[in-house]
Amino acid sequence: MKAGAIASIVTIAAALTRSRAARHTISSKLAPAKRWLKSQVGRPWDKVRSELFARFDTRTTAGRHVLFDHLLRDVEDVQWHRYAWDVFYVSHHGILRFESRRPRGPRLWAGWLPEPEGVLLAWLGGRRIIERDEQMYWLVPTRAGGFRQLHRLSDADAQRFRGLPTWFQERHRGARPAPGGA
């Protein structure tokens, strides 16, 4: 391991204890430690973990914070990974691995939407859309659990729906039950 990388990691704890006015963002202070962790990909996790414990003094608040709230959590907290762009994980063979989930372009990512999903779901209001003879119609839920046709979409609504990604259109098109049962 390079001496410069070790020195950078060791100084993180000291950097975190500076006054709030003198500090940059927490991510800028953690960057050297994250780079070091990324450089350890491919090594046995037990060895990397023991080196982390050797470098950070867990008797101090700053050392515990960096180690447990950032570095170890980045590797070990499976629930947190659902929201992370970059994921460290341990393979079945005990080797530290890394996976980047960053979108490669604004429209290439499967989850991309032109508006927040909550706004679109509020606009749909539990309704679905069906297309017949190049006309689009609203379908509203019935008490029996099905859907019935209500009225034609306005041109603006039809254009808005057609501008959504295919995966979103398919999820809200037709009279089949919504994902998740309802």
Protein backbone atom coordinates (compact mmCIF):
# COMPACT_ATOMS: atom_id res chain seq x y z
CA MET A 1 0.00 0.00 0.00
CA LYS A 2 1.32 3.48 -0.84
CA ALA A 3 2.37 5.72 2.02
CA GLY A 4 0.48 8.68 0.53
CA ALA A 5 -2.80 6.79 0.50
CA ILE A 6 -2.34 5.70 4.11
CA ALA A 7 -1.48 9.25 5.18
CA SER A 8 -4.61 10.55 3.43
CA ILE A 9 -6.82 8.05 5.20
CA VAL A 10 -5.29 8.75 8.59
CA THR A 11 -5.81 12.51 8.21
CA ILE A 12 -9.54 12.12 7.53
CA ALA A 13 -10.36 11.74 11.21
CA ALA A 14 -8.50 14.97 11.96
CA ALA A 15 -10.23 16.76 9.08
CA LEU A 16 -13.66 15.78 10.39
CA THR A 17 -12.95 17.38 13.77
CA ARG A 18 -12.27 20.87 12.37
CA SER A 19 -14.82 23.59 13.05
CA ARG A 20 -17.87 23.56 10.82
CA ALA A 21 -16.96 26.89 9.21
CA ALA A 22 -13.56 25.59 8.09
CA ARG A 23 -14.87 22.31 6.68
CA HIS A 24 -15.73 21.55 3.10
CA THR A 25 -18.45 19.06 2.36
CA ILE A 26 -18.21 15.68 4.04
CA SER A 27 -17.87 13.96 0.65
CA SER A 28 -14.72 15.96 -0.11
CA LYS A 29 -13.21 14.78 3.18
CA LEU A 30 -14.17 11.16 2.57
CA ALA A 31 -12.91 11.08 -1.01
CA PRO A 32 -9.38 9.84 -0.14
CA ALA A 33 -10.79 7.02 2.00
CA LYS A 34 -13.28 6.05 -0.71
CA ARG A 35 -10.51 6.06 -3.33
CA TRP A 36 -8.40 3.84 -1.07
CA LEU A 37 -11.35 1.47 -0.59
CA LYS A 38 -11.88 1.36 -4.35
CA SER A 39 -8.19 0.54 -4.83
CA GLN A 40 -8.67 -2.51 -2.58
CA VAL A 41 -11.24 -4.10 -4.90
CA GLY A 42 -10.18 -7.65 -5.71
CA ARG A 43 -8.58 -8.24 -2.31
CA PRO A 44 -10.02 -10.46 0.44
CA TRP A 45 -12.57 -8.43 2.44
CA ASP A 46 -11.30 -9.74 5.77
CA LYS A 47 -7.84 -8.26 5.07
CA VAL A 48 -9.24 -4.93 3.86
CA ARG A 49 -11.55 -4.71 6.89
CA SER A 50 -8.73 -5.42 9.33
CA GLU A 51 -6.59 -2.70 7.67
CA LEU A 52 -9.46 -0.23 8.09
CA PHE A 53 -9.68 -1.05 11.81
CA ALA A 54 -5.90 -0.65 12.10
CA ARG A 55 -6.00 2.80 10.43
CA PHE A 56 -8.94 4.35 12.29
CA ASP A 57 -9.01 4.84 16.03
CA THR A 58 -12.46 3.61 17.04
CA ARG A 59 -11.96 5.18 20.47
CA THR A 60 -12.56 8.62 18.91
CA THR A 61 -15.86 9.95 17.63
CA ALA A 62 -14.35 10.96 14.30
CA GLY A 63 -12.72 7.56 13.79
CA ARG A 64 -15.94 5.71 14.60
CA HIS A 65 -17.92 8.04 12.35
CA VAL A 66 -15.72 7.54 9.29
CA LEU A 67 -15.32 3.82 9.83
CA PHE A 68 -18.82 2.74 10.84
CA ASP A 69 -21.04 5.42 9.27
CA HIS A 70 -19.28 5.61 5.92
CA LEU A 71 -16.67 3.03 4.93
CA LEU A 72 -18.08 -0.13 6.50
CA ARG A 73 -21.65 0.88 5.71
CA ASP A 74 -20.68 1.34 2.06
CA VAL A 75 -19.70 -2.32 1.96
CA GLU A 76 -21.93 -4.08 4.47
CA ASP A 77 -25.33 -2.31 4.56
CA VAL A 78 -27.44 -4.10 1.96
CA GLN A 79 -30.57 -1.96 2.60
CA TRP A 80 -28.66 1.26 1.92
CA HIS A 81 -27.36 -0.07 -1.41
CA ARG A 82 -30.78 0.32 -3.05
CA TYR A 83 -30.20 4.08 -3.11
CA ALA A 84 -26.49 4.15 -3.98
CA TRP A 85 -24.95 4.90 -7.36
CA ASP A 86 -21.69 3.14 -6.54
CA VAL A 87 -21.86 -0.12 -4.61
CA PHE A 88 -19.13 -2.03 -2.81
CA TYR A 89 -20.00 -5.61 -1.92
CA VAL A 90 -18.33 -8.83 -0.83
CA SER A 91 -18.56 -11.75 -3.26
CA HIS A 92 -19.47 -15.28 -2.23
CA HIS A 93 -15.74 -16.00 -2.12
CA GLY A 94 -15.07 -13.17 0.36
CA ILE A 95 -13.52 -10.79 -2.19
CA LEU A 96 -14.29 -7.03 -2.16
CA ARG A 97 -16.08 -6.05 -5.39
CA PHE A 98 -17.36 -2.76 -6.85
CA GLU A 99 -20.30 -2.01 -9.15
CA SER A 100 -21.19 1.35 -10.63
CA ARG A 101 -24.90 1.98 -11.26
CA ARG A 102 -24.50 5.47 -12.65
CA PRO A 103 -26.58 6.18 -15.75
CA ARG A 104 -24.49 6.47 -18.89
CA GLY A 105 -26.75 9.10 -20.40
CA PRO A 106 -29.93 10.90 -19.37
CA ARG A 107 -32.26 8.71 -21.45
CA LEU A 108 -30.30 5.46 -21.43
CA TRP A 109 -31.04 4.68 -17.80
CA ALA A 110 -34.08 2.38 -17.49
CA GLY A 111 -35.57 4.41 -14.63
CA TRP A 112 -35.40 7.82 -16.30
CA LEU A 113 -38.60 9.89 -16.31
CA PRO A 114 -39.13 13.43 -17.65
CA GLU A 115 -41.00 14.36 -14.44
CA PRO A 116 -40.85 12.97 -10.90
CA GLU A 117 -42.73 9.67 -10.69
CA GLY A 118 -44.95 11.03 -7.89
CA VAL A 119 -46.16 13.85 -10.16
CA LEU A 120 -46.98 11.39 -12.94
CA LEU A 121 -48.79 9.02 -10.58
CA ALA A 122 -50.84 11.92 -9.20
CA TRP A 123 -51.72 12.90 -12.79
CA LEU A 124 -52.83 9.33 -13.51
CA GLY A 125 -54.80 9.21 -10.25
CA GLY A 126 -55.15 5.42 -10.31
CA ARG A 127 -56.47 5.53 -13.87
CA ARG A 128 -55.06 3.63 -16.81
CA ILE A 129 -54.92 4.48 -20.48
CA ILE A 130 -56.06 2.47 -23.48
CA GLU A 131 -55.61 3.20 -27.17
CA ARG A 132 -58.31 2.39 -29.75
CA ASP A 133 -58.25 3.51 -33.38
CA GLU A 134 -55.41 5.95 -32.67
CA GLN A 135 -57.46 7.59 -29.90
CA MET A 136 -56.48 7.34 -26.24
CA TYR A 137 -59.05 6.93 -23.46
CA TRP A 138 -58.97 7.06 -19.67
CA LEU A 139 -59.88 3.86 -17.85
CA VAL A 140 -61.11 4.27 -14.28
CA PRO A 141 -61.15 1.54 -11.61
CA THR A 142 -64.47 -0.06 -10.72
CA ARG A 143 -65.62 -1.47 -7.37
CA ALA A 144 -65.33 -4.98 -8.80
CA GLY A 145 -61.59 -4.48 -9.34
CA GLY A 146 -61.73 -3.96 -13.09
CA PHE A 147 -61.63 -0.82 -15.22
CA ARG A 148 -64.19 0.98 -17.37
CA GLN A 149 -63.67 3.50 -20.12
CA LEU A 150 -64.38 7.09 -19.03
CA HIS A 151 -63.59 9.59 -21.80
CA ARG A 152 -61.00 10.49 -24.42
CA LEU A 153 -57.69 12.01 -23.31
CA SER A 154 -57.13 15.61 -24.28
CA ASP A 155 -54.47 16.16 -26.93
CA ALA A 156 -52.11 17.53 -24.25
CA ASP A 157 -52.63 14.46 -22.01
CA ALA A 158 -52.15 12.09 -24.94
CA GLN A 159 -48.94 13.87 -25.94
CA ARG A 160 -47.71 13.78 -22.33
CA PHE A 161 -48.36 10.03 -22.09
CA ARG A 162 -46.71 9.29 -25.44
CA GLY A 163 -43.63 11.24 -24.28
CA LEU A 164 -43.08 8.88 -21.35
CA PRO A 165 -40.65 5.95 -21.55
CA THR A 166 -42.04 2.68 -22.89
CA TRP A 167 -41.55 0.87 -19.57
CA PHE A 168 -43.76 3.46 -17.82
CA GLN A 169 -46.42 3.39 -20.56
CA GLU A 170 -46.63 -0.39 -20.40
CA ARG A 171 -47.06 -0.29 -16.63
CA HIS A 172 -50.07 2.07 -16.91
CA ARG A 173 -51.68 0.95 -20.15
CA GLY A 174 -54.73 -1.30 -20.50
CA ALA A 175 -57.18 -2.90 -18.11
CA ARG A 176 -54.86 -5.40 -16.39
CA PRO A 177 -54.28 -5.06 -12.65
CA ALA A 178 -51.66 -2.60 -11.48
CA PRO A 179 -48.27 -3.97 -10.35
CA GLY A 180 -48.36 -5.17 -6.75
CA GLY A 181 -51.86 -6.52 -6.89
CA ALA A 182 -54.26 -3.53 -6.79
